[in-house]
C-alpha atoms as a PDB file:
ATOM      1  CA  MET A   1       0.447   0.060   0.160  1.00  0.00           C
ATOM      2  CA  GLU A   2       1.327   3.129  -0.279  1.00  0.00           C
ATOM      3  CA  LEU A   3       1.597   6.194   1.369  1.00  0.00           C
ATOM      4  CA  ALA A   4      -1.155   8.084  -0.312  1.00  0.00           C
ATOM      5  CA  GLU A   5      -3.521   5.397  -0.057  1.00  0.00           C
ATOM      6  CA  ALA A   6      -3.065   4.460   3.582  1.00  0.00           C
ATOM      7  CA  THR A   7      -3.605   8.823   4.428  1.00  0.00           C
ATOM      8  CA  ALA A   8      -6.462   9.267   1.613  1.00  0.00           C
ATOM      9  CA  VAL A   9      -9.297  11.127   3.712  1.00  0.00           C
ATOM     10  CA  GLY A  10     -12.959  10.138   2.760  1.00  0.00           C
ATOM     11  CA  PRO A  11     -14.922   6.732   2.086  1.00  0.00           C
ATOM     12  CA  PRO A  12     -13.257   3.657   0.857  1.00  0.00           C
ATOM     13  CA  ALA A  13     -13.529   2.534  -2.718  1.00  0.00           C
ATOM     14  CA  GLU A  14     -15.956  -0.544  -1.357  1.00  0.00           C
ATOM     15  CA  PRO A  15     -18.441   0.570   1.595  1.00  0.00           C
ATOM     16  CA  ARG A  16     -17.240  -1.831   4.508  1.00  0.00           C
ATOM     17  CA  THR A  17     -20.349  -3.419   6.667  1.00  0.00           C
ATOM     18  CA  ASP A  18     -20.427  -2.024  10.289  1.00  0.00           C
ATOM     19  CA  SER A  19     -20.907  -5.413  11.997  1.00  0.00           C
ATOM     20  CA  VAL A  20     -23.377  -3.906  14.616  1.00  0.00           C
ATOM     21  CA  ILE A  21     -25.216  -2.882  12.451  1.00  0.00           C
ATOM     22  CA  GLU A  22     -25.167  -6.428  10.394  1.00  0.00           C
ATOM     23  CA  GLN A  23     -25.879  -7.555  13.898  1.00  0.00           C
ATOM     24  CA  ALA A  24     -29.121  -5.335  14.306  1.00  0.00           C
ATOM     25  CA  ARG A  25     -30.204  -6.706  10.747  1.00  0.00           C
ATOM     26  CA  GLY A  26     -30.145 -10.041  11.667  1.00  0.00           C
ATOM     27  CA  ILE A  27     -31.500  -9.643  14.835  1.00  0.00           C
ATOM     28  CA  LEU A  28     -34.803  -8.005  13.332  1.00  0.00           C
ATOM     29  CA  MET A  29     -34.755 -10.147  10.372  1.00  0.00           C
ATOM     30  CA  ALA A  30     -35.350 -12.790  12.837  1.00  0.00           C
ATOM     31  CA  ARG A  31     -37.533 -10.996  14.733  1.00  0.00           C
ATOM     32  CA  ARG A  32     -39.953  -9.412  12.210  1.00  0.00           C
ATOM     33  CA  ASP A  33     -39.472 -12.674   9.437  1.00  0.00           C
ATOM     34  CA  CYS A  34     -38.546  -9.019   7.071  1.00  0.00           C
ATOM     35  CA  THR A  35     -35.604  -9.347   4.251  1.00  0.00           C
ATOM     36  CA  ALA A  36     -32.272  -7.484   5.083  1.00  0.00           C
ATOM     37  CA  ALA A  37     -33.891  -3.688   3.512  1.00  0.00           C
ATOM     38  CA  GLY A  38     -36.879  -3.956   5.200  1.00  0.00           C
ATOM     39  CA  ALA A  39     -34.632  -4.182   8.526  1.00  0.00           C
ATOM     40  CA  LEU A  40     -32.432  -1.621   7.563  1.00  0.00           C
ATOM     41  CA  ALA A  41     -35.551   0.717   7.245  1.00  0.00           C
ATOM     42  CA  VAL A  42     -36.993  -0.251  10.864  1.00  0.00           C
ATOM     43  CA  LEU A  43     -33.666   0.680  12.300  1.00  0.00           C
ATOM     44  CA  GLN A  44     -33.593   4.224  10.450  1.00  0.00           C
ATOM     45  CA  THR A  45     -37.239   4.805  11.158  1.00  0.00           C
ATOM     46  CA  ALA A  46     -36.211   4.089  14.855  1.00  0.00           C
ATOM     47  CA  ALA A  47     -32.641   6.872  14.597  1.00  0.00           C
ATOM     48  CA  HIS A  48     -35.220   9.111  12.832  1.00  0.00           C
ATOM     49  CA  ASP A  49     -37.912   9.186  15.334  1.00  0.00           C
ATOM     50  CA  SER A  50     -35.638   8.952  18.385  1.00  0.00           C
ATOM     51  CA  GLY A  51     -33.276  11.480  16.843  1.00  0.00           C
ATOM     52  CA  ALA A  52     -30.205   8.655  17.411  1.00  0.00           C
ATOM     53  CA  THR A  53     -27.892   7.717  14.503  1.00  0.00           C
ATOM     54  CA  VAL A  54     -28.156   3.986  12.951  1.00  0.00           C
ATOM     55  CA  HIS A  55     -25.644   2.286  14.565  1.00  0.00           C
ATOM     56  CA  ALA A  56     -26.471   3.937  18.062  1.00  0.00           C
ATOM     57  CA  VAL A  57     -29.857   2.390  17.287  1.00  0.00           C
ATOM     58  CA  ALA A  58     -28.373  -0.487  16.080  1.00  0.00           C
ATOM     59  CA  GLY A  59     -26.308  -0.605  19.244  1.00  0.00           C
ATOM     60  CA  ALA A  60     -29.020  -0.504  21.889  1.00  0.00           C
ATOM     61  CA  LEU A  61     -30.726  -3.616  20.426  1.00  0.00           C
ATOM     62  CA  VAL A  62     -27.617  -5.736  19.813  1.00  0.00           C
ATOM     63  CA  ASP A  63     -27.153  -4.948  23.780  1.00  0.00           C
ATOM     64  CA  GLU A  64     -30.776  -5.578  24.915  1.00  0.00           C
ATOM     65  CA  VAL A  65     -30.796  -9.203  23.068  1.00  0.00           C
ATOM     66  CA  GLU A  66     -26.929  -9.774  24.110  1.00  0.00           C
ATOM     67  CA  ALA A  67     -28.667  -9.212  27.951  1.00  0.00           C
ATOM     68  CA  ARG A  68     -31.558 -11.232  27.626  1.00  0.00           C
ATOM     69  CA  ALA A  69     -29.823 -14.304  26.330  1.00  0.00           C
ATOM     70  CA  ARG A  70     -26.780 -13.693  29.487  1.00  0.00           C
ATOM     71  CA  HIS A  71     -29.872 -12.861  31.710  1.00  0.00           C
ATOM     72  CA  ARG A  72     -31.943 -16.156  29.816  1.00  0.00           C
ATOM     73  CA  LEU A  73     -28.357 -18.819  30.059  1.00  0.00           C
ATOM     74  CA  ASP A  74     -27.301 -18.012  33.442  1.00  0.00           C
ATOM     75  CA  ASP A  75     -30.593 -18.800  34.795  1.00  0.00           C
ATOM     76  CA  LEU A  76     -30.001 -21.906  32.506  1.00  0.00           C
ATOM     77  CA  GLY A  77     -27.335 -22.401  34.787  1.00  0.00           C
ATOM     78  CA  ALA A  78     -28.636 -22.213  38.187  1.00  0.00           C
ATOM     79  CA  GLY A  79     -31.235 -24.570  36.949  1.00  0.00           C
ATOM     80  CA  LEU A  80     -29.108 -27.343  35.854  1.00  0.00           C
ATOM     81  CA  ALA A  81     -26.617 -27.003  38.972  1.00  0.00           C
ATOM     82  CA  GLY A  82     -29.750 -27.763  40.939  1.00  0.00           C
ATOM     83  CA  VAL A  83     -30.273 -30.402  39.082  1.00  0.00           C
ATOM     84  CA  SER A  84     -27.219 -31.819  38.784  1.00  0.00           C
ATOM     85  CA  ARG A  85     -26.799 -31.482  43.036  1.00  0.00           C
ATOM     86  CA  ALA A  86     -30.380 -33.499  42.946  1.00  0.00           C
ATOM     87  CA  ARG A  87     -29.027 -36.295  41.159  1.00  0.00           C
ATOM     88  CA  THR A  88     -25.577 -36.267  43.151  1.00  0.00           C
ATOM     89  CA  PRO A  89     -25.074 -39.466  45.308  1.00  0.00           C
ATOM     90  CA  GLY A  90     -24.998 -39.383  49.138  1.00  0.00           C
ATOM     91  CA  SER A  91     -26.891 -35.724  49.016  1.00  0.00           C
END
């Protein structure tokens, strides 16, 4: 890579996808049974309505889903620990 390429200002030649936005699109596609374009439209509308950026809305959605998943896994782990203690011989 030449110095001019490494220090160029402006958008890259090919647009990079933002992983947070892609994750949020996937979540919305699964929950709403919509296309990628439809999911992006939902994110854009939510961003417009809230005065936030699409990236911020996507990040909030991903954070919420991850927090719920962690909570469910914690509950599952606690339940499984109780089951294994109940099955332990001599207890």
